PDB file of all heavy atoms in Angstrom:
ATOM      1  N   LYS A   1     -11.444   8.458  13.729  1.00  0.00           N
ATOM      2  CA  LYS A   1     -10.220   7.656  13.711  1.00  0.00           C
ATOM      3  C   LYS A   1      -9.445   7.926  12.433  1.00  0.00           C
ATOM      4  O   LYS A   1     -10.008   8.356  11.421  1.00  0.00           O
ATOM      5  CB  LYS A   1     -10.540   6.161  13.764  1.00  0.00           C
ATOM      6  CG  LYS A   1     -11.310   5.717  14.982  1.00  0.00           C
ATOM      7  CD  LYS A   1     -10.450   5.682  16.192  1.00  0.00           C
ATOM      8  CE  LYS A   1     -11.257   5.075  17.349  1.00  0.00           C
ATOM      9  NZ  LYS A   1     -10.746   5.442  18.625  1.00  0.00           N
ATOM     10  N   LYS A   2      -8.157   7.642  12.504  1.00  0.00           N
ATOM     11  CA  LYS A   2      -7.300   7.700  11.326  1.00  0.00           C
ATOM     12  C   LYS A   2      -6.778   6.295  11.088  1.00  0.00           C
ATOM     13  O   LYS A   2      -6.227   5.668  11.988  1.00  0.00           O
ATOM     14  CB  LYS A   2      -6.123   8.645  11.550  1.00  0.00           C
ATOM     15  CG  LYS A   2      -5.163   8.695  10.371  1.00  0.00           C
ATOM     16  CD  LYS A   2      -4.012   9.660  10.674  1.00  0.00           C
ATOM     17  CE  LYS A   2      -3.109   9.812   9.486  1.00  0.00           C
ATOM     18  NZ  LYS A   2      -2.025  10.765   9.751  1.00  0.00           N
ATOM     19  N   ILE A   3      -6.980   5.806   9.872  1.00  0.00           N
ATOM     20  CA  ILE A   3      -6.436   4.510   9.481  1.00  0.00           C
ATOM     21  C   ILE A   3      -5.256   4.773   8.554  1.00  0.00           C
ATOM     22  O   ILE A   3      -5.392   5.506   7.576  1.00  0.00           O
ATOM     23  CB  ILE A   3      -7.480   3.648   8.748  1.00  0.00           C
ATOM     24  CG1 ILE A   3      -8.629   3.286   9.691  1.00  0.00           C
ATOM     25  CG2 ILE A   3      -6.832   2.392   8.181  1.00  0.00           C
ATOM     26  CD1 ILE A   3      -9.735   2.491   9.024  1.00  0.00           C
ATOM     27  N   GLU A   4      -4.117   4.198   8.902  1.00  0.00           N
ATOM     28  CA  GLU A   4      -2.951   4.232   8.029  1.00  0.00           C
ATOM     29  C   GLU A   4      -2.667   2.787   7.646  1.00  0.00           C
ATOM     30  O   GLU A   4      -2.521   1.932   8.509  1.00  0.00           O
ATOM     31  CB  GLU A   4      -1.737   4.817   8.744  1.00  0.00           C
ATOM     32  CG  GLU A   4      -1.873   6.282   9.067  1.00  0.00           C
ATOM     33  CD  GLU A   4      -0.670   6.795   9.835  1.00  0.00           C
ATOM     34  OE1 GLU A   4       0.322   7.153   9.192  1.00  0.00           O
ATOM     35  OE2 GLU A   4      -0.742   6.798  11.075  1.00  0.00           O
ATOM     36  N   ALA A   5      -2.623   2.537   6.362  1.00  0.00           N
ATOM     37  CA  ALA A   5      -2.361   1.185   5.880  1.00  0.00           C
ATOM     38  C   ALA A   5      -1.139   1.223   4.975  1.00  0.00           C
ATOM     39  O   ALA A   5      -1.068   2.036   4.061  1.00  0.00           O
ATOM     40  CB  ALA A   5      -3.564   0.638   5.120  1.00  0.00           C
ATOM     41  N   ILE A   6      -0.181   0.344   5.249  1.00  0.00           N
ATOM     42  CA  ILE A   6       0.991   0.187   4.411  1.00  0.00           C
ATOM     43  C   ILE A   6       0.774  -1.094   3.608  1.00  0.00           C
ATOM     44  O   ILE A   6       0.635  -2.167   4.196  1.00  0.00           O
ATOM     45  CB  ILE A   6       2.281   0.063   5.255  1.00  0.00           C
ATOM     46  CG1 ILE A   6       2.378   1.167   6.308  1.00  0.00           C
ATOM     47  CG2 ILE A   6       3.508   0.016   4.351  1.00  0.00           C
ATOM     48  CD1 ILE A   6       2.477   2.560   5.765  1.00  0.00           C
ATOM     49  N   ILE A   7       0.723  -0.960   2.278  1.00  0.00           N
ATOM     50  CA  ILE A   7       0.405  -2.111   1.440  1.00  0.00           C
ATOM     51  C   ILE A   7       1.377  -2.215   0.265  1.00  0.00           C
ATOM     52  O   ILE A   7       2.149  -1.298   0.006  1.00  0.00           O
ATOM     53  CB  ILE A   7      -1.044  -2.042   0.903  1.00  0.00           C
ATOM     54  CG1 ILE A   7      -1.222  -0.822  -0.013  1.00  0.00           C
ATOM     55  CG2 ILE A   7      -2.044  -2.022   2.047  1.00  0.00           C
ATOM     56  CD1 ILE A   7      -2.528  -0.819  -0.772  1.00  0.00           C
ATOM     57  N   LYS A   8       1.274  -3.329  -0.454  1.00  0.00           N
ATOM     58  CA  LYS A   8       2.062  -3.503  -1.667  1.00  0.00           C
ATOM     59  C   LYS A   8       1.479  -2.614  -2.764  1.00  0.00           C
ATOM     60  O   LYS A   8       0.249  -2.516  -2.891  1.00  0.00           O
ATOM     61  CB  LYS A   8       2.045  -4.966  -2.111  1.00  0.00           C
ATOM     62  CG  LYS A   8       2.787  -5.875  -1.139  1.00  0.00           C
ATOM     63  CD  LYS A   8       2.773  -7.308  -1.612  1.00  0.00           C
ATOM     64  CE  LYS A   8       3.615  -8.171  -0.674  1.00  0.00           C
ATOM     65  NZ  LYS A   8       3.720  -9.549  -1.126  1.00  0.00           N
ATOM     66  N   PRO A   9       2.331  -1.956  -3.547  1.00  0.00           N
ATOM     67  CA  PRO A   9       1.833  -0.995  -4.541  1.00  0.00           C
ATOM     68  C   PRO A   9       0.830  -1.562  -5.541  1.00  0.00           C
ATOM     69  O   PRO A   9      -0.131  -0.891  -5.906  1.00  0.00           O
ATOM     70  CB  PRO A   9       3.108  -0.538  -5.260  1.00  0.00           C
ATOM     71  CG  PRO A   9       4.207  -0.781  -4.288  1.00  0.00           C
ATOM     72  CD  PRO A   9       3.788  -1.985  -3.495  1.00  0.00           C
ATOM     73  N   PHE A  10       1.012  -2.803  -5.976  1.00  0.00           N
ATOM     74  CA  PHE A  10       0.114  -3.349  -6.985  1.00  0.00           C
ATOM     75  C   PHE A  10      -1.280  -3.647  -6.440  1.00  0.00           C
ATOM     76  O   PHE A  10      -2.199  -3.967  -7.199  1.00  0.00           O
ATOM     77  CB  PHE A  10       0.719  -4.595  -7.656  1.00  0.00           C
ATOM     78  CG  PHE A  10       0.876  -5.782  -6.755  1.00  0.00           C
ATOM     79  CD1 PHE A  10      -0.151  -6.699  -6.608  1.00  0.00           C
ATOM     80  CD2 PHE A  10       2.069  -5.997  -6.065  1.00  0.00           C
ATOM     81  CE1 PHE A  10      -0.008  -7.810  -5.787  1.00  0.00           C
ATOM     82  CE2 PHE A  10       2.219  -7.102  -5.240  1.00  0.00           C
ATOM     83  CZ  PHE A  10       1.185  -8.011  -5.105  1.00  0.00           C
ATOM     84  N   LYS A  11      -1.473  -3.521  -5.129  1.00  0.00           N
ATOM     85  CA  LYS A  11      -2.783  -3.754  -4.513  1.00  0.00           C
ATOM     86  C   LYS A  11      -3.582  -2.460  -4.324  1.00  0.00           C
ATOM     87  O   LYS A  11      -4.726  -2.493  -3.869  1.00  0.00           O
ATOM     88  CB  LYS A  11      -2.608  -4.435  -3.149  1.00  0.00           C
ATOM     89  CG  LYS A  11      -2.237  -5.897  -3.254  1.00  0.00           C
ATOM     90  CD  LYS A  11      -3.382  -6.656  -3.866  1.00  0.00           C
ATOM     91  CE  LYS A  11      -3.300  -8.141  -3.655  1.00  0.00           C
ATOM     92  NZ  LYS A  11      -4.533  -8.797  -4.087  1.00  0.00           N
ATOM     93  N   LEU A  12      -3.005  -1.322  -4.690  1.00  0.00           N
ATOM     94  CA  LEU A  12      -3.652  -0.035  -4.440  1.00  0.00           C
ATOM     95  C   LEU A  12      -5.028   0.072  -5.095  1.00  0.00           C
ATOM     96  O   LEU A  12      -5.994   0.479  -4.444  1.00  0.00           O
ATOM     97  CB  LEU A  12      -2.751   1.118  -4.904  1.00  0.00           C
ATOM     98  CG  LEU A  12      -3.356   2.512  -4.750  1.00  0.00           C
ATOM     99  CD1 LEU A  12      -3.715   2.800  -3.305  1.00  0.00           C
ATOM    100  CD2 LEU A  12      -2.390   3.561  -5.290  1.00  0.00           C
ATOM    101  N   ASP A  13      -5.141  -0.267  -6.365  1.00  0.00           N
ATOM    102  CA  ASP A  13      -6.434  -0.138  -7.041  1.00  0.00           C
ATOM    103  C   ASP A  13      -7.507  -1.016  -6.409  1.00  0.00           C
ATOM    104  O   ASP A  13      -8.651  -0.588  -6.260  1.00  0.00           O
ATOM    105  CB  ASP A  13      -6.295  -0.469  -8.528  1.00  0.00           C
ATOM    106  CG  ASP A  13      -5.606   0.643  -9.308  1.00  0.00           C
ATOM    107  OD1 ASP A  13      -5.653   1.809  -8.847  1.00  0.00           O
ATOM    108  OD2 ASP A  13      -5.022   0.349 -10.361  1.00  0.00           O
ATOM    109  N   GLU A  14      -7.131  -2.217  -6.014  1.00  0.00           N
ATOM    110  CA  GLU A  14      -8.095  -3.113  -5.367  1.00  0.00           C
ATOM    111  C   GLU A  14      -8.571  -2.543  -4.031  1.00  0.00           C
ATOM    112  O   GLU A  14      -9.753  -2.606  -3.700  1.00  0.00           O
ATOM    113  CB  GLU A  14      -7.484  -4.498  -5.158  1.00  0.00           C
ATOM    114  CG  GLU A  14      -7.257  -5.265  -6.441  1.00  0.00           C
ATOM    115  CD  GLU A  14      -6.570  -6.601  -6.202  1.00  0.00           C
ATOM    116  OE1 GLU A  14      -7.032  -7.354  -5.316  1.00  0.00           O
ATOM    117  OE2 GLU A  14      -5.577  -6.882  -6.894  1.00  0.00           O
ATOM    118  N   VAL A  15      -7.641  -1.988  -3.250  1.00  0.00           N
ATOM    119  CA  VAL A  15      -7.993  -1.400  -1.957  1.00  0.00           C
ATOM    120  C   VAL A  15      -8.869  -0.171  -2.166  1.00  0.00           C
ATOM    121  O   VAL A  15      -9.890   0.003  -1.492  1.00  0.00           O
ATOM    122  CB  VAL A  15      -6.729  -1.061  -1.138  1.00  0.00           C
ATOM    123  CG1 VAL A  15      -7.079  -0.250   0.094  1.00  0.00           C
ATOM    124  CG2 VAL A  15      -5.996  -2.341  -0.743  1.00  0.00           C
ATOM    125  N   LYS A  16      -8.498   0.677  -3.113  1.00  0.00           N
ATOM    126  CA  LYS A  16      -9.279   1.879  -3.407  1.00  0.00           C
ATOM    127  C   LYS A  16     -10.701   1.508  -3.808  1.00  0.00           C
ATOM    128  O   LYS A  16     -11.665   2.098  -3.310  1.00  0.00           O
ATOM    129  CB  LYS A  16      -8.604   2.685  -4.516  1.00  0.00           C
ATOM    130  CG  LYS A  16      -9.324   3.977  -4.870  1.00  0.00           C
ATOM    131  CD  LYS A  16      -8.668   4.664  -6.037  1.00  0.00           C
ATOM    132  CE  LYS A  16      -8.825   3.815  -7.256  1.00  0.00           C
ATOM    133  NZ  LYS A  16      -9.243   4.361  -8.475  1.00  0.00           N
ATOM    134  N   ASP A  17     -10.850   0.509  -4.665  1.00  0.00           N
ATOM    135  CA  ASP A  17     -12.182   0.061  -5.091  1.00  0.00           C
ATOM    136  C   ASP A  17     -12.979  -0.518  -3.925  1.00  0.00           C
ATOM    137  O   ASP A  17     -14.180  -0.264  -3.793  1.00  0.00           O
ATOM    138  CB  ASP A  17     -12.070  -0.975  -6.207  1.00  0.00           C
ATOM    139  CG  ASP A  17     -11.542  -0.376  -7.512  1.00  0.00           C
ATOM    140  OD1 ASP A  17     -11.556   0.870  -7.648  1.00  0.00           O
ATOM    141  OD2 ASP A  17     -11.096  -1.156  -8.378  1.00  0.00           O
ATOM    142  N   ALA A  18     -12.323  -1.283  -3.069  1.00  0.00           N
ATOM    143  CA  ALA A  18     -12.999  -1.876  -1.915  1.00  0.00           C
ATOM    144  C   ALA A  18     -13.492  -0.792  -0.952  1.00  0.00           C
ATOM    145  O   ALA A  18     -14.602  -0.889  -0.417  1.00  0.00           O
ATOM    146  CB  ALA A  18     -12.058  -2.842  -1.189  1.00  0.00           C
ATOM    147  N   LEU A  19     -12.698   0.246  -0.749  1.00  0.00           N
ATOM    148  CA  LEU A  19     -13.108   1.349   0.132  1.00  0.00           C
ATOM    149  C   LEU A  19     -14.259   2.130  -0.498  1.00  0.00           C
ATOM    150  O   LEU A  19     -15.186   2.559   0.192  1.00  0.00           O
ATOM    151  CB  LEU A  19     -11.920   2.263   0.427  1.00  0.00           C
ATOM    152  CG  LEU A  19     -10.841   1.641   1.308  1.00  0.00           C
ATOM    153  CD1 LEU A  19      -9.607   2.534   1.348  1.00  0.00           C
ATOM    154  CD2 LEU A  19     -11.359   1.386   2.716  1.00  0.00           C
ATOM    155  N   HIS A  20     -14.202   2.311  -1.805  1.00  0.00           N
ATOM    156  CA  HIS A  20     -15.274   3.024  -2.499  1.00  0.00           C
ATOM    157  C   HIS A  20     -16.593   2.247  -2.384  1.00  0.00           C
ATOM    158  O   HIS A  20     -17.657   2.841  -2.212  1.00  0.00           O
ATOM    159  CB  HIS A  20     -14.895   3.239  -3.962  1.00  0.00           C
ATOM    160  CG  HIS A  20     -15.887   4.056  -4.716  1.00  0.00           C
ATOM    161  ND1 HIS A  20     -16.067   5.401  -4.476  1.00  0.00           N
ATOM    162  CD2 HIS A  20     -16.776   3.718  -5.690  1.00  0.00           C
ATOM    163  CE1 HIS A  20     -17.020   5.850  -5.276  1.00  0.00           C
ATOM    164  NE2 HIS A  20     -17.467   4.841  -6.024  1.00  0.00           N
ATOM    165  N   GLU A  21     -16.522   0.924  -2.454  1.00  0.00           N
ATOM    166  CA  GLU A  21     -17.717   0.078  -2.359  1.00  0.00           C
ATOM    167  C   GLU A  21     -18.422   0.199  -1.016  1.00  0.00           C
ATOM    168  O   GLU A  21     -19.640   0.054  -0.943  1.00  0.00           O
ATOM    169  CB  GLU A  21     -17.363  -1.385  -2.617  1.00  0.00           C
ATOM    170  CG  GLU A  21     -17.152  -1.716  -4.069  1.00  0.00           C
ATOM    171  CD  GLU A  21     -16.797  -3.180  -4.289  1.00  0.00           C
ATOM    172  OE1 GLU A  21     -17.149  -4.024  -3.429  1.00  0.00           O
ATOM    173  OE2 GLU A  21     -16.165  -3.471  -5.315  1.00  0.00           O
ATOM    174  N   ILE A  22     -17.666   0.465   0.063  1.00  0.00           N
ATOM    175  CA  ILE A  22     -18.314   0.600   1.378  1.00  0.00           C
ATOM    176  C   ILE A  22     -18.680   2.054   1.683  1.00  0.00           C
ATOM    177  O   ILE A  22     -19.110   2.364   2.782  1.00  0.00           O
ATOM    178  CB  ILE A  22     -17.438   0.007   2.510  1.00  0.00           C
ATOM    179  CG1 ILE A  22     -16.121   0.753   2.671  1.00  0.00           C
ATOM    180  CG2 ILE A  22     -17.230  -1.479   2.311  1.00  0.00           C
ATOM    181  CD1 ILE A  22     -15.393   0.443   3.958  1.00  0.00           C
ATOM    182  N   GLY A  23     -18.477   2.931   0.697  1.00  0.00           N
ATOM    183  CA  GLY A  23     -18.950   4.309   0.849  1.00  0.00           C
ATOM    184  C   GLY A  23     -17.920   5.323   1.281  1.00  0.00           C
ATOM    185  O   GLY A  23     -18.270   6.468   1.552  1.00  0.00           O
ATOM    186  N   LEU A  24     -16.652   4.946   1.360  1.00  0.00           N
ATOM    187  CA  LEU A  24     -15.612   5.912   1.719  1.00  0.00           C
ATOM    188  C   LEU A  24     -15.125   6.613   0.458  1.00  0.00           C
ATOM    189  O   LEU A  24     -14.840   5.971  -0.544  1.00  0.00           O
ATOM    190  CB  LEU A  24     -14.446   5.218   2.424  1.00  0.00           C
ATOM    191  CG  LEU A  24     -14.782   4.640   3.789  1.00  0.00           C
ATOM    192  CD1 LEU A  24     -13.590   3.907   4.360  1.00  0.00           C
ATOM    193  CD2 LEU A  24     -15.229   5.715   4.747  1.00  0.00           C
ATOM    194  N   GLN A  25     -15.026   7.938   0.526  1.00  0.00           N
ATOM    195  CA  GLN A  25     -14.689   8.691  -0.669  1.00  0.00           C
ATOM    196  C   GLN A  25     -13.268   9.225  -0.664  1.00  0.00           C
ATOM    197  O   GLN A  25     -12.578   9.151  -1.663  1.00  0.00           O
ATOM    198  CB  GLN A  25     -15.662   9.848  -0.834  1.00  0.00           C
ATOM    199  CG  GLN A  25     -17.078   9.369  -1.043  1.00  0.00           C
ATOM    200  CD  GLN A  25     -18.057  10.509  -1.065  1.00  0.00           C
ATOM    201  OE1 GLN A  25     -17.711  11.637  -0.786  1.00  0.00           O
ATOM    202  NE2 GLN A  25     -19.298  10.213  -1.393  1.00  0.00           N
ATOM    203  N   GLY A  26     -12.823   9.783   0.423  1.00  0.00           N
ATOM    204  CA  GLY A  26     -11.536  10.463   0.426  1.00  0.00           C
ATOM    205  C   GLY A  26     -10.422   9.634   1.041  1.00  0.00           C
ATOM    206  O   GLY A  26     -10.549   9.124   2.152  1.00  0.00           O
ATOM    207  N   ILE A  27      -9.334   9.477   0.292  1.00  0.00           N
ATOM    208  CA  ILE A  27      -8.142   8.831   0.835  1.00  0.00           C
ATOM    209  C   ILE A  27      -6.927   9.623   0.374  1.00  0.00           C
ATOM    210  O   ILE A  27      -6.974  10.324  -0.633  1.00  0.00           O
ATOM    211  CB  ILE A  27      -7.995   7.347   0.406  1.00  0.00           C
ATOM    212  CG1 ILE A  27      -7.764   7.214  -1.098  1.00  0.00           C
ATOM    213  CG2 ILE A  27      -9.188   6.535   0.824  1.00  0.00           C
ATOM    214  CD1 ILE A  27      -7.408   5.792  -1.526  1.00  0.00           C
ATOM    215  N   THR A  28      -5.871   9.505   1.129  1.00  0.00           N
ATOM    216  CA  THR A  28      -4.596  10.092   0.752  1.00  0.00           C
ATOM    217  C   THR A  28      -3.620   8.949   0.535  1.00  0.00           C
ATOM    218  O   THR A  28      -3.547   8.034   1.357  1.00  0.00           O
ATOM    219  CB  THR A  28      -4.060  11.026   1.869  1.00  0.00           C
ATOM    220  OG1 THR A  28      -5.019  12.058   2.088  1.00  0.00           O
ATOM    221  CG2 THR A  28      -2.730  11.636   1.485  1.00  0.00           C
ATOM    222  N   VAL A  29      -2.892   9.001  -0.561  1.00  0.00           N
ATOM    223  CA  VAL A  29      -1.950   7.939  -0.900  1.00  0.00           C
ATOM    224  C   VAL A  29      -0.554   8.543  -1.039  1.00  0.00           C
ATOM    225  O   VAL A  29      -0.383   9.558  -1.696  1.00  0.00           O
ATOM    226  CB  VAL A  29      -2.355   7.247  -2.221  1.00  0.00           C
ATOM    227  CG1 VAL A  29      -1.338   6.190  -2.611  1.00  0.00           C
ATOM    228  CG2 VAL A  29      -3.733   6.633  -2.090  1.00  0.00           C
ATOM    229  N   THR A  30       0.415   7.889  -0.416  1.00  0.00           N
ATOM    230  CA  THR A  30       1.806   8.319  -0.472  1.00  0.00           C
ATOM    231  C   THR A  30       2.673   7.142  -0.861  1.00  0.00           C
ATOM    232  O   THR A  30       2.490   6.041  -0.337  1.00  0.00           O
ATOM    233  CB  THR A  30       2.273   8.824   0.922  1.00  0.00           C
ATOM    234  OG1 THR A  30       1.346   9.776   1.406  1.00  0.00           O
ATOM    235  CG2 THR A  30       3.651   9.438   0.845  1.00  0.00           C
ATOM    236  N   GLU A  31       3.616   7.370  -1.775  1.00  0.00           N
ATOM    237  CA  GLU A  31       4.586   6.326  -2.082  1.00  0.00           C
ATOM    238  C   GLU A  31       5.576   6.268  -0.937  1.00  0.00           C
ATOM    239  O   GLU A  31       6.027   7.296  -0.438  1.00  0.00           O
ATOM    240  CB  GLU A  31       5.310   6.628  -3.387  1.00  0.00           C
ATOM    241  CG  GLU A  31       4.421   6.485  -4.600  1.00  0.00           C
ATOM    242  CD  GLU A  31       5.167   6.707  -5.901  1.00  0.00           C
ATOM    243  OE1 GLU A  31       6.414   6.645  -5.908  1.00  0.00           O
ATOM    244  OE2 GLU A  31       4.493   6.945  -6.905  1.00  0.00           O
ATOM    245  N   ALA A  32       5.920   5.067  -0.518  1.00  0.00           N
ATOM    246  CA  ALA A  32       6.812   4.887   0.624  1.00  0.00           C
ATOM    247  C   ALA A  32       7.783   3.750   0.341  1.00  0.00           C
ATOM    248  O   ALA A  32       7.592   2.965  -0.591  1.00  0.00           O
ATOM    249  CB  ALA A  32       6.001   4.586   1.878  1.00  0.00           C
ATOM    250  N   LYS A  33       8.823   3.681   1.152  1.00  0.00           N
ATOM    251  CA  LYS A  33       9.755   2.561   1.098  1.00  0.00           C
ATOM    252  C   LYS A  33       9.980   2.090   2.522  1.00  0.00           C
ATOM    253  O   LYS A  33      10.003   2.880   3.450  1.00  0.00           O
ATOM    254  CB  LYS A  33      11.093   2.987   0.486  1.00  0.00           C
ATOM    255  CG  LYS A  33      11.001   3.297  -0.983  1.00  0.00           C
ATOM    256  CD  LYS A  33      12.352   3.592  -1.558  1.00  0.00           C
ATOM    257  CE  LYS A  33      12.222   3.846  -3.043  1.00  0.00           C
ATOM    258  NZ  LYS A  33      13.511   3.970  -3.686  1.00  0.00           N
ATOM    259  N   GLY A  34      10.152   0.790   2.676  1.00  0.00           N
ATOM    260  CA  GLY A  34      10.386   0.269   4.015  1.00  0.00           C
ATOM    261  C   GLY A  34      10.562  -1.232   3.996  1.00  0.00           C
ATOM    262  O   GLY A  34      10.566  -1.858   2.939  1.00  0.00           O
ATOM    263  N   PHE A  35      10.726  -1.777   5.180  1.00  0.00           N
ATOM    264  CA  PHE A  35      10.808  -3.224   5.309  1.00  0.00           C
ATOM    265  C   PHE A  35      10.359  -3.614   6.697  1.00  0.00           C
ATOM    266  O   PHE A  35      10.388  -2.822   7.627  1.00  0.00           O
ATOM    267  CB  PHE A  35      12.228  -3.754   5.037  1.00  0.00           C
ATOM    268  CG  PHE A  35      13.261  -3.291   6.021  1.00  0.00           C
ATOM    269  CD1 PHE A  35      13.488  -3.987   7.194  1.00  0.00           C
ATOM    270  CD2 PHE A  35      14.017  -2.171   5.760  1.00  0.00           C
ATOM    271  CE1 PHE A  35      14.451  -3.570   8.101  1.00  0.00           C
ATOM    272  CE2 PHE A  35      14.980  -1.737   6.660  1.00  0.00           C
ATOM    273  CZ  PHE A  35      15.192  -2.439   7.829  1.00  0.00           C
ATOM    274  N   GLY A  36       9.920  -4.839   6.795  1.00  0.00           N
ATOM    275  CA  GLY A  36       9.513  -5.404   8.073  1.00  0.00           C
ATOM    276  C   GLY A  36      10.380  -6.602   8.358  1.00  0.00           C
ATOM    277  O   GLY A  36      11.596  -6.547   8.236  1.00  0.00           O
ATOM    278  N   ARG A  37       9.735  -7.700   8.650  1.00  0.00           N
ATOM    279  CA  ARG A  37      10.474  -8.915   8.985  1.00  0.00           C
ATOM    280  C   ARG A  37      11.257  -9.485   7.812  1.00  0.00           C
ATOM    281  O   ARG A  37      12.245 -10.166   7.991  1.00  0.00           O
ATOM    282  CB  ARG A  37       9.513  -9.980   9.487  1.00  0.00           C
ATOM    283  CG  ARG A  37       8.933  -9.638  10.824  1.00  0.00           C
ATOM    284  CD  ARG A  37       8.070 -10.753  11.339  1.00  0.00           C
ATOM    285  NE  ARG A  37       7.501 -10.380  12.614  1.00  0.00           N
ATOM    286  CZ  ARG A  37       6.438 -10.941  13.122  1.00  0.00           C
ATOM    287  NH1 ARG A  37       5.821 -11.896  12.474  1.00  0.00           N
ATOM    288  NH2 ARG A  37       5.980 -10.552  14.282  1.00  0.00           N
ATOM    289  N   GLN A  38      10.815  -9.176   6.581  1.00  0.00           N
ATOM    290  CA  GLN A  38      11.496  -9.770   5.437  1.00  0.00           C
ATOM    291  C   GLN A  38      12.881  -9.168   5.205  1.00  0.00           C
ATOM    292  O   GLN A  38      13.700  -9.733   4.500  1.00  0.00           O
ATOM    293  CB  GLN A  38      10.634  -9.682   4.170  1.00  0.00           C
ATOM    294  CG  GLN A  38      10.665  -8.348   3.467  1.00  0.00           C
ATOM    295  CD  GLN A  38       9.545  -7.416   3.881  1.00  0.00           C
ATOM    296  OE1 GLN A  38       9.034  -7.479   4.990  1.00  0.00           O
ATOM    297  NE2 GLN A  38       9.169  -6.539   2.992  1.00  0.00           N
ATOM    298  N   ARG A  39      13.151  -8.001   5.766  1.00  0.00           N
ATOM    299  CA  ARG A  39      14.475  -7.367   5.694  1.00  0.00           C
ATOM    300  C   ARG A  39      14.980  -7.162   4.273  1.00  0.00           C
ATOM    301  O   ARG A  39      16.172  -7.228   4.002  1.00  0.00           O
ATOM    302  CB  ARG A  39      15.517  -8.180   6.453  1.00  0.00           C
ATOM    303  CG  ARG A  39      15.242  -8.306   7.913  1.00  0.00           C
ATOM    304  CD  ARG A  39      15.864  -7.139   8.643  1.00  0.00           C
ATOM    305  NE  ARG A  39      15.804  -7.367  10.062  1.00  0.00           N
ATOM    306  CZ  ARG A  39      15.199  -6.541  10.886  1.00  0.00           C
ATOM    307  NH1 ARG A  39      14.618  -5.469  10.443  1.00  0.00           N
ATOM    308  NH2 ARG A  39      15.189  -6.800  12.166  1.00  0.00           N
ATOM    309  N   GLY A  40      14.096  -6.949   3.330  1.00  0.00           N
ATOM    310  CA  GLY A  40      14.514  -6.715   1.952  1.00  0.00           C
ATOM    311  C   GLY A  40      14.886  -8.007   1.258  1.00  0.00           C
ATOM    312  O   GLY A  40      14.542  -9.092   1.692  1.00  0.00           O
ATOM    313  N   HIS A  41      15.611  -7.875   0.144  1.00  0.00           N
ATOM    314  CA  HIS A  41      16.020  -9.050  -0.614  1.00  0.00           C
ATOM    315  C   HIS A  41      17.246  -8.706  -1.453  1.00  0.00           C
ATOM    316  O   HIS A  41      17.631  -7.553  -1.566  1.00  0.00           O
ATOM    317  CB  HIS A  41      14.877  -9.535  -1.505  1.00  0.00           C
ATOM    318  CG  HIS A  41      14.453  -8.535  -2.539  1.00  0.00           C
ATOM    319  ND1 HIS A  41      13.584  -7.510  -2.276  1.00  0.00           N
ATOM    320  CD2 HIS A  41      14.808  -8.401  -3.841  1.00  0.00           C
ATOM    321  CE1 HIS A  41      13.405  -6.789  -3.371  1.00  0.00           C
ATOM    322  NE2 HIS A  41      14.143  -7.303  -4.335  1.00  0.00           N
ATOM    323  N   THR A  42      17.867  -9.715  -2.032  1.00  0.00           N
ATOM    324  CA  THR A  42      19.031  -9.477  -2.885  1.00  0.00           C
ATOM    325  C   THR A  42      18.603  -9.551  -4.352  1.00  0.00           C
ATOM    326  O   THR A  42      17.698 -10.294  -4.711  1.00  0.00           O
ATOM    327  CB  THR A  42      20.148 -10.511  -2.634  1.00  0.00           C
ATOM    328  OG1 THR A  42      19.619 -11.810  -2.884  1.00  0.00           O
ATOM    329  CG2 THR A  42      20.660 -10.432  -1.216  1.00  0.00           C
ATOM    330  N   GLU A  43      19.253  -8.738  -5.165  1.00  0.00           N
ATOM    331  CA  GLU A  43      18.991  -8.734  -6.601  1.00  0.00           C
ATOM    332  C   GLU A  43      20.306  -8.786  -7.348  1.00  0.00           C
ATOM    333  O   GLU A  43      21.361  -8.445  -6.811  1.00  0.00           O
ATOM    334  CB  GLU A  43      18.224  -7.473  -7.004  1.00  0.00           C
ATOM    335  CG  GLU A  43      16.777  -7.477  -6.563  1.00  0.00           C
ATOM    336  CD  GLU A  43      15.976  -6.329  -7.159  1.00  0.00           C
ATOM    337  OE1 GLU A  43      16.500  -5.594  -8.022  1.00  0.00           O
ATOM    338  OE2 GLU A  43      14.823  -6.164  -6.747  1.00  0.00           O
ATOM    339  N   LEU A  44      20.232  -9.192  -8.594  1.00  0.00           N
ATOM    340  CA  LEU A  44      21.399  -9.270  -9.457  1.00  0.00           C
ATOM    341  C   LEU A  44      21.270  -8.187 -10.517  1.00  0.00           C
ATOM    342  O   LEU A  44      20.248  -8.085 -11.194  1.00  0.00           O
ATOM    343  CB  LEU A  44      21.449 -10.650 -10.131  1.00  0.00           C
ATOM    344  CG  LEU A  44      22.821 -11.221 -10.438  1.00  0.00           C
ATOM    345  CD1 LEU A  44      23.667 -11.311  -9.182  1.00  0.00           C
ATOM    346  CD2 LEU A  44      22.668 -12.581 -11.081  1.00  0.00           C
ATOM    347  N   TYR A  45      22.279  -7.333 -10.639  1.00  0.00           N
ATOM    348  CA  TYR A  45      22.273  -6.278 -11.642  1.00  0.00           C
ATOM    349  C   TYR A  45      23.611  -6.256 -12.352  1.00  0.00           C
ATOM    350  O   TYR A  45      24.640  -6.029 -11.723  1.00  0.00           O
ATOM    351  CB  TYR A  45      21.977  -4.914 -11.004  1.00  0.00           C
ATOM    352  CG  TYR A  45      21.965  -3.776 -11.985  1.00  0.00           C
ATOM    353  CD1 TYR A  45      20.914  -3.622 -12.887  1.00  0.00           C
ATOM    354  CD2 TYR A  45      23.004  -2.854 -12.015  1.00  0.00           C
ATOM    355  CE1 TYR A  45      20.899  -2.582 -13.795  1.00  0.00           C
ATOM    356  CE2 TYR A  45      23.000  -1.812 -12.920  1.00  0.00           C
ATOM    357  CZ  TYR A  45      21.944  -1.676 -13.809  1.00  0.00           C
ATOM    358  OH  TYR A  45      21.929  -0.639 -14.712  1.00  0.00           O
ATOM    359  N   ARG A  46      23.603  -6.542 -13.648  1.00  0.00           N
ATOM    360  CA  ARG A  46      24.831  -6.586 -14.451  1.00  0.00           C
ATOM    361  C   ARG A  46      25.908  -7.460 -13.820  1.00  0.00           C
ATOM    362  O   ARG A  46      27.079  -7.080 -13.731  1.00  0.00           O
ATOM    363  CB  ARG A  46      25.359  -5.183 -14.709  1.00  0.00           C
ATOM    364  CG  ARG A  46      24.422  -4.357 -15.556  1.00  0.00           C
ATOM    365  CD  ARG A  46      25.041  -3.076 -15.991  1.00  0.00           C
ATOM    366  NE  ARG A  46      24.116  -2.364 -16.873  1.00  0.00           N
ATOM    367  CZ  ARG A  46      24.393  -1.227 -17.445  1.00  0.00           C
ATOM    368  NH1 ARG A  46      25.553  -0.650 -17.251  1.00  0.00           N
ATOM    369  NH2 ARG A  46      23.510  -0.645 -18.219  1.00  0.00           N
TER     370      ARG A  46
END
């Protein structure tokens, strides 16, 4: 099987450690951008 997981970037180390603990060694990580139901957000810049 292939598992693809889309997660928040700051959770990567925790996920990597959790996978290592159950004996999985190889993962591929890609930076991505996207949105789901939250449809993004507004920010204030200058």
